[in-house]
Protein backbone atom coordinates (compact mmCIF):
# COMPACT_ATOMS: atom_id res chain seq x y z
CA UNK A 1 7.84 -46.02 18.51
CA UNK A 2 4.19 -45.50 19.63
CA UNK A 3 1.78 -46.77 16.94
CA UNK A 4 -1.52 -45.27 15.84
CA UNK A 5 -4.72 -47.26 16.77
CA UNK A 6 -4.63 -48.54 13.21
CA UNK A 7 -3.18 -46.93 10.04
CA UNK A 8 -5.46 -44.37 8.46
CA UNK A 9 -6.59 -44.84 4.85
CA UNK A 10 -5.99 -41.33 3.70
CA UNK A 11 -4.03 -38.20 4.60
CA UNK A 12 -4.93 -34.90 2.92
CA UNK A 13 -2.20 -32.35 3.18
CA UNK A 14 -3.15 -28.69 2.47
CA UNK A 15 -0.38 -26.20 2.15
CA UNK A 16 -1.69 -22.58 2.48
CA UNK A 17 1.18 -20.74 0.86
CA UNK A 18 2.22 -17.74 2.88
CA UNK A 19 -0.37 -17.99 5.61
CA UNK A 20 0.94 -16.24 8.75
CA UNK A 21 -0.35 -17.75 11.99
CA UNK A 22 -1.31 -14.39 13.42
CA UNK A 23 -3.60 -13.82 10.46
CA UNK A 24 -6.03 -16.56 11.76
CA UNK A 25 -7.02 -14.32 14.69
CA UNK A 26 -6.46 -10.94 12.99
CA UNK A 27 -8.98 -11.72 10.13
CA UNK A 28 -11.18 -14.13 12.22
CA UNK A 29 -10.71 -17.13 10.02
CA UNK A 30 -13.61 -19.07 11.48
CA UNK A 31 -13.18 -22.35 9.61
CA UNK A 32 -9.52 -22.61 10.57
CA UNK A 33 -10.27 -21.71 14.15
CA UNK A 34 -12.97 -24.40 14.25
CA UNK A 35 -10.51 -26.95 12.75
CA UNK A 36 -8.02 -25.94 15.53
CA UNK A 37 -10.61 -26.41 18.27
CA UNK A 38 -11.54 -29.86 17.03
CA UNK A 39 -7.91 -30.91 16.29
CA UNK A 40 -4.36 -30.41 17.56
CA UNK A 41 -2.44 -27.39 16.45
CA UNK A 42 0.53 -25.08 16.88
CA UNK A 43 0.83 -21.50 15.75
CA UNK A 44 4.51 -21.37 16.53
CA UNK A 45 6.14 -23.98 14.20
CA UNK A 46 9.10 -23.08 12.06
CA UNK A 47 9.78 -23.64 8.40
CA UNK A 48 13.09 -24.31 6.73
CA UNK A 49 15.79 -21.85 5.75
CA UNK A 50 15.46 -20.27 3.24
CA UNK A 51 11.85 -19.64 3.97
CA UNK A 52 10.66 -19.89 0.35
CA UNK A 53 8.17 -22.09 -1.36
CA UNK A 54 10.43 -24.29 -3.45
CA UNK A 55 12.69 -25.14 -0.61
CA UNK A 56 9.84 -25.71 1.82
CA UNK A 57 7.74 -27.83 -0.51
CA UNK A 58 10.76 -29.96 -1.34
CA UNK A 59 11.39 -30.50 2.37
CA UNK A 60 7.72 -31.46 2.85
CA UNK A 61 8.04 -34.04 0.10
CA UNK A 62 11.45 -35.45 1.21
CA UNK A 63 11.58 -35.00 4.97
CA UNK A 64 14.99 -33.29 4.93
CA UNK A 65 16.25 -29.72 5.04
CA UNK A 66 17.32 -27.72 2.00
CA UNK A 67 21.06 -28.38 2.65
CA UNK A 68 20.27 -32.06 2.12
CA UNK A 69 17.83 -32.03 -0.75
CA UNK A 70 19.63 -29.28 -2.68
CA UNK A 71 16.80 -26.79 -3.35
CA UNK A 72 18.00 -23.54 -1.66
CA UNK A 73 16.12 -20.94 -3.63
CA UNK A 74 12.57 -20.20 -4.75
CA UNK A 75 13.22 -21.74 -8.22
CA UNK A 76 11.85 -25.18 -8.86
CA UNK A 77 14.28 -27.66 -10.51
CA UNK A 78 15.20 -31.28 -10.38
CA UNK A 79 18.06 -31.37 -7.71
CA UNK A 80 20.78 -33.92 -7.61
CA UNK A 81 20.06 -35.19 -4.07
CA UNK A 82 22.06 -37.81 -2.06
CA UNK A 83 20.82 -41.33 -2.58
CA UNK A 84 19.52 -41.64 0.93
CA UNK A 85 17.05 -38.77 0.32
CA UNK A 86 13.79 -40.73 -0.25
CA UNK A 87 10.75 -38.70 -1.35
CA UNK A 88 7.67 -39.37 0.66
CA UNK A 89 5.48 -40.45 -2.41
CA UNK A 90 8.09 -43.08 -3.25
CA UNK A 91 8.11 -44.48 0.31
CA UNK A 92 4.29 -44.65 0.11
CA UNK A 93 4.33 -46.34 -3.36
CA UNK A 94 6.70 -49.09 -1.88
CA UNK A 95 3.98 -49.60 0.81
CA UNK A 96 1.32 -49.99 -1.88
CA UNK A 97 -0.23 -46.48 -1.59
CA UNK A 98 -0.75 -43.72 -4.05
CA UNK A 99 0.13 -40.05 -3.86
CA UNK A 100 -1.54 -37.25 -5.81
CA UNK A 101 -1.12 -33.50 -5.94
CA UNK A 102 -3.47 -30.68 -6.92
CA UNK A 103 -1.65 -27.54 -7.77
CA UNK A 104 -2.40 -24.25 -9.49
CA UNK A 105 -2.48 -24.03 -13.27
CA UNK A 106 1.06 -23.60 -14.86
CA UNK A 107 1.99 -21.78 -18.11
CA UNK A 108 2.71 -24.31 -20.85
CA UNK A 109 6.45 -23.72 -20.94
CA UNK A 110 6.64 -25.13 -17.41
CA UNK A 111 4.81 -28.37 -18.17
CA UNK A 112 7.98 -30.44 -19.03
CA UNK A 113 9.65 -29.45 -15.82
CA UNK A 114 6.48 -30.22 -13.82
CA UNK A 115 6.23 -33.65 -15.36
CA UNK A 116 10.03 -34.34 -14.61
CA UNK A 117 9.49 -33.29 -10.96
CA UNK A 118 6.39 -35.50 -10.72
CA UNK A 119 8.36 -38.48 -11.84
CA UNK A 120 11.40 -37.79 -9.69
CA UNK A 121 9.23 -37.37 -6.58
CA UNK A 122 7.25 -40.47 -7.27
CA UNK A 123 3.80 -38.86 -7.41
CA UNK A 124 1.18 -41.12 -8.91
CA UNK A 125 -0.62 -38.18 -10.49
CA UNK A 126 -0.53 -34.43 -10.49
CA UNK A 127 -3.36 -32.09 -11.54
CA UNK A 128 -2.54 -28.39 -12.51
CA UNK A 129 -5.94 -26.71 -12.50
CA UNK A 130 -7.29 -23.46 -11.08
CA UNK A 131 -5.67 -20.28 -9.75
CA UNK A 132 -6.84 -20.20 -6.14
CA UNK A 133 -7.97 -22.30 -3.19
CA UNK A 134 -11.55 -22.50 -4.38
CA UNK A 135 -10.65 -23.61 -7.91
CA UNK A 136 -7.89 -26.03 -6.85
CA UNK A 137 -10.35 -27.58 -4.31
CA UNK A 138 -12.89 -27.87 -7.17
CA UNK A 139 -10.38 -29.90 -9.18
CA UNK A 140 -9.85 -32.16 -6.11
CA UNK A 141 -13.57 -32.52 -5.72
CA UNK A 142 -14.04 -33.95 -9.20
CA UNK A 143 -11.48 -36.72 -8.23
CA UNK A 144 -12.35 -37.10 -4.58
CA UNK A 145 -14.58 -40.10 -4.95
CA UNK A 146 -11.76 -42.15 -6.49
CA UNK A 147 -9.18 -41.36 -3.81
CA UNK A 148 -8.32 -44.64 -2.03
CA UNK A 149 -5.47 -45.32 0.40
CA UNK A 150 -2.62 -42.81 0.36
CA UNK A 151 -1.75 -39.14 0.32
CA UNK A 152 -3.38 -36.17 -1.42
CA UNK A 153 -1.61 -32.83 -1.50
CA UNK A 154 -3.20 -29.48 -2.23
CA UNK A 155 -1.20 -26.21 -2.61
CA UNK A 156 -3.29 -23.08 -2.20
CA UNK A 157 -1.52 -19.90 -3.32
CA UNK A 158 -4.04 -17.23 -2.31
CA UNK A 159 -2.23 -15.74 0.71
CA UNK A 160 1.21 -15.66 -0.94
CA UNK A 161 -0.17 -13.92 -4.05
CA UNK A 162 -1.85 -11.19 -2.03
CA UNK A 163 1.16 -10.81 0.24
CA UNK A 164 3.60 -10.30 -2.64
CA UNK A 165 1.26 -7.88 -4.48
CA UNK A 166 -0.18 -5.88 -1.59
CA UNK A 167 1.75 -6.78 1.56
CA UNK A 168 1.28 -9.34 4.31
CA UNK A 169 -1.56 -8.38 6.68
CA UNK A 170 -2.91 -5.77 4.19
CA UNK A 171 -6.63 -5.45 3.52
CA UNK A 172 -6.23 -7.37 0.33
CA UNK A 173 -4.27 -10.07 2.16
CA UNK A 174 -7.12 -10.27 4.63
CA UNK A 175 -9.64 -10.64 1.87
CA UNK A 176 -7.49 -13.46 0.28
CA UNK A 177 -7.11 -15.43 3.46
CA UNK A 178 -10.85 -15.09 4.23
CA UNK A 179 -11.57 -16.77 0.88
CA UNK A 180 -9.04 -19.47 1.70
CA UNK A 181 -10.82 -19.94 5.07
CA UNK A 182 -14.05 -20.58 3.19
CA UNK A 183 -12.27 -23.28 1.20
CA UNK A 184 -11.20 -24.89 4.49
CA UNK A 185 -14.77 -25.01 5.66
CA UNK A 186 -15.87 -26.64 2.38
CA UNK A 187 -13.04 -29.20 2.56
CA UNK A 188 -14.05 -30.22 6.10
CA UNK A 189 -17.58 -30.77 4.97
CA UNK A 190 -16.35 -32.85 2.01
CA UNK A 191 -14.28 -34.99 4.36
CA UNK A 192 -17.35 -35.74 6.47
CA UNK A 193 -19.48 -36.53 3.38
CA UNK A 194 -17.01 -38.69 1.44
CA UNK A 195 -14.53 -40.24 3.84
CA UNK A 196 -15.98 -40.57 7.36
CA UNK A 197 -13.48 -41.22 10.14
CA UNK A 198 -10.49 -42.79 8.42
CA UNK A 199 -8.94 -39.60 6.95
CA UNK A 200 -6.45 -37.20 8.54
CA UNK A 201 -6.30 -33.56 7.45
CA UNK A 202 -2.92 -31.86 7.87
CA UNK A 203 -3.11 -28.14 7.33
CA UNK A 204 0.11 -25.99 7.31
CA UNK A 205 1.95 -23.19 5.49
CA UNK A 206 5.27 -23.25 3.75
CA UNK A 207 6.35 -19.86 5.16
CA UNK A 208 4.97 -16.64 6.69
CA UNK A 209 5.77 -13.24 5.34
CA UNK A 210 6.07 -9.49 5.89
CA UNK A 211 9.03 -9.81 8.32
CA UNK A 212 11.98 -7.82 7.09
CA UNK A 213 10.01 -6.50 4.07
CA UNK A 214 6.22 -6.12 3.78
CA UNK A 215 6.03 -7.95 0.41
CA UNK A 216 8.62 -10.68 0.93
CA UNK A 217 9.22 -13.72 3.11
CA UNK A 218 12.82 -14.90 2.50
CA UNK A 219 14.57 -13.38 5.61
CA UNK A 220 15.44 -14.93 9.01
CA UNK A 221 12.78 -12.75 10.59
CA UNK A 222 10.41 -14.69 12.87
CA UNK A 223 7.33 -13.48 10.94
CA UNK A 224 8.82 -15.07 7.76
CA UNK A 225 9.82 -18.37 9.42
CA UNK A 226 6.83 -19.06 11.67
CA UNK A 227 3.99 -21.24 10.40
CA UNK A 228 0.76 -22.89 11.64
CA UNK A 229 0.33 -26.70 11.68
CA UNK A 230 -3.11 -28.20 12.38
CA UNK A 231 -4.02 -31.91 12.53
CA UNK A 232 -7.71 -32.82 12.34
CA UNK A 233 -9.92 -35.81 11.74
CA UNK A 234 -8.71 -39.36 12.13
CA UNK A 235 -8.24 -40.11 15.76
CA UNK A 236 -6.77 -36.76 16.61
CA UNK A 237 -7.69 -35.47 20.12
CA UNK A 238 -7.99 -31.72 20.67
CA UNK A 239 -5.00 -29.89 22.14
CA UNK A 240 -1.79 -28.17 21.27
CA UNK A 241 1.12 -29.73 19.43
CA UNK A 242 4.46 -29.94 21.21
CA UNK A 243 6.71 -26.88 21.43
CA UNK A 244 9.43 -26.22 18.93
CA UNK A 245 7.52 -28.03 16.12
CA UNK A 246 8.88 -27.93 12.62
CA UNK A 247 7.56 -28.29 9.09
CA UNK A 248 9.95 -31.29 8.90
CA UNK A 249 7.76 -33.04 11.44
CA UNK A 250 4.89 -33.17 8.88
CA UNK A 251 6.24 -35.72 6.42
CA UNK A 252 7.29 -38.00 9.25
CA UNK A 253 3.78 -37.73 10.70
CA UNK A 254 2.13 -38.52 7.41
CA UNK A 255 4.17 -41.72 6.83
CA UNK A 256 3.63 -42.76 10.44
CA UNK A 257 -0.09 -42.17 10.29
CA UNK A 258 -0.46 -44.18 7.08
CA UNK A 259 1.56 -47.06 8.52
CA UNK A 260 4.61 -46.66 6.28
CA UNK A 261 8.15 -46.85 7.46
CA UNK A 262 9.95 -43.55 8.10
CA UNK A 263 13.43 -43.42 6.38
CA UNK A 264 16.41 -42.86 8.58
CA UNK A 265 17.15 -39.68 6.61
CA UNK A 266 14.00 -37.92 7.76
CA UNK A 267 14.88 -35.08 10.08
CA UNK A 268 11.39 -34.69 11.76
CA UNK A 269 9.59 -36.62 14.53
CA UNK A 270 5.99 -37.76 14.12
CA UNK A 271 3.25 -35.96 16.04
CA UNK A 272 2.02 -39.08 17.75
CA UNK A 273 0.99 -37.33 20.90
CA UNK A 274 -2.48 -36.13 19.63
CA UNK A 275 -3.51 -39.72 18.63
CA UNK A 276 -5.46 -41.31 21.53
CA UNK A 277 -5.66 -45.12 20.83
CA UNK A 278 -8.41 -45.50 23.43
CA UNK A 279 -10.75 -42.90 22.06
CA UNK A 280 -11.44 -44.59 18.71
CA UNK A 281 -11.89 -42.74 15.47
CA UNK A 282 -12.85 -39.13 15.83
CA UNK A 283 -14.54 -37.59 12.85
CA UNK A 284 -14.75 -33.78 12.41
CA UNK A 285 -17.65 -33.12 14.75
CA UNK A 286 -20.94 -31.49 13.69
CA UNK A 287 -24.59 -31.97 14.52
CA UNK A 288 -26.83 -33.42 11.88
CA UNK A 289 -28.51 -30.07 10.82
CA UNK A 290 -25.07 -28.45 10.52
CA UNK A 291 -23.74 -31.33 8.41
CA UNK A 292 -26.70 -31.06 6.03
CA UNK A 293 -26.10 -27.39 5.52
CA UNK A 294 -22.35 -27.92 5.03
CA UNK A 295 -22.92 -30.61 2.45
CA UNK A 296 -25.35 -28.44 0.54
CA UNK A 297 -22.95 -25.48 0.76
CA UNK A 298 -20.17 -27.70 -0.41
CA UNK A 299 -22.08 -28.64 -3.50
CA UNK A 300 -22.87 -25.02 -4.36
CA UNK A 301 -19.24 -24.04 -3.71
CA UNK A 302 -18.00 -26.63 -6.07
CA UNK A 303 -20.49 -25.93 -8.81
CA UNK A 304 -18.84 -22.56 -9.01
CA UNK A 305 -15.32 -23.96 -9.11
CA UNK A 306 -12.75 -24.37 -11.86
CA UNK A 307 -13.65 -26.20 -15.02
């Protein structure tokens, strides 16, 4: 298998819950569009079936489809999976790397289940703080300086919440994804400031929405099952990702980029095509004046984040 120029130190995986690919142009999400121009992307990848958060997130963390890992609904629980299903954080731990997750705040009755899932998946740490992309990114910002080699996952619920309450592609949905887009811009500035050129950003969604029903996303309709995937930073060269990409390609890509072995059970194939081993490390590109303004904006953004 083709190898990256050298293993990256970090991968940041952002899951924008319920972000439809066509919302990026419809609502002129400028930060995501800039990330796409500077990286490699597809707006026609598919998620798993059923196209619900619990099933898709479990697939992202295990590299297998719901019929293998056992989570086939939108209810989180600790599944009894086959022994060859190896969660991505455990694979990374065996290679000497840590995995952390930043998720929205949970009601106290759900804390025991969250801790059990964290242990089962092999996550080194999990932080439940904030209610939207801005606040969850604020929680990450307070830990960002201590992030060494490994994987950081952020789950941003903004689009999904607005879609369920007001309908996908509604005015309220557009306002929610615009706020999410602001968080993307801030994260890109943070990566430049804190990490330099050895960090890969993987941006995706777990599902779309508004296909068979304006407020739902669990059907076989293409609008429910189509998601964006963007790779930026690291040594990614601009372009489009291969046709017929899948959410299952994401965990395989993360393990490959970090130099960890990919278990045989993983159903996806790494996106190795965007990595140009002759071009050297490619940071997210900005001019110096732009970078200064981004860093200052990032600080102001974070000062207003979650406590």
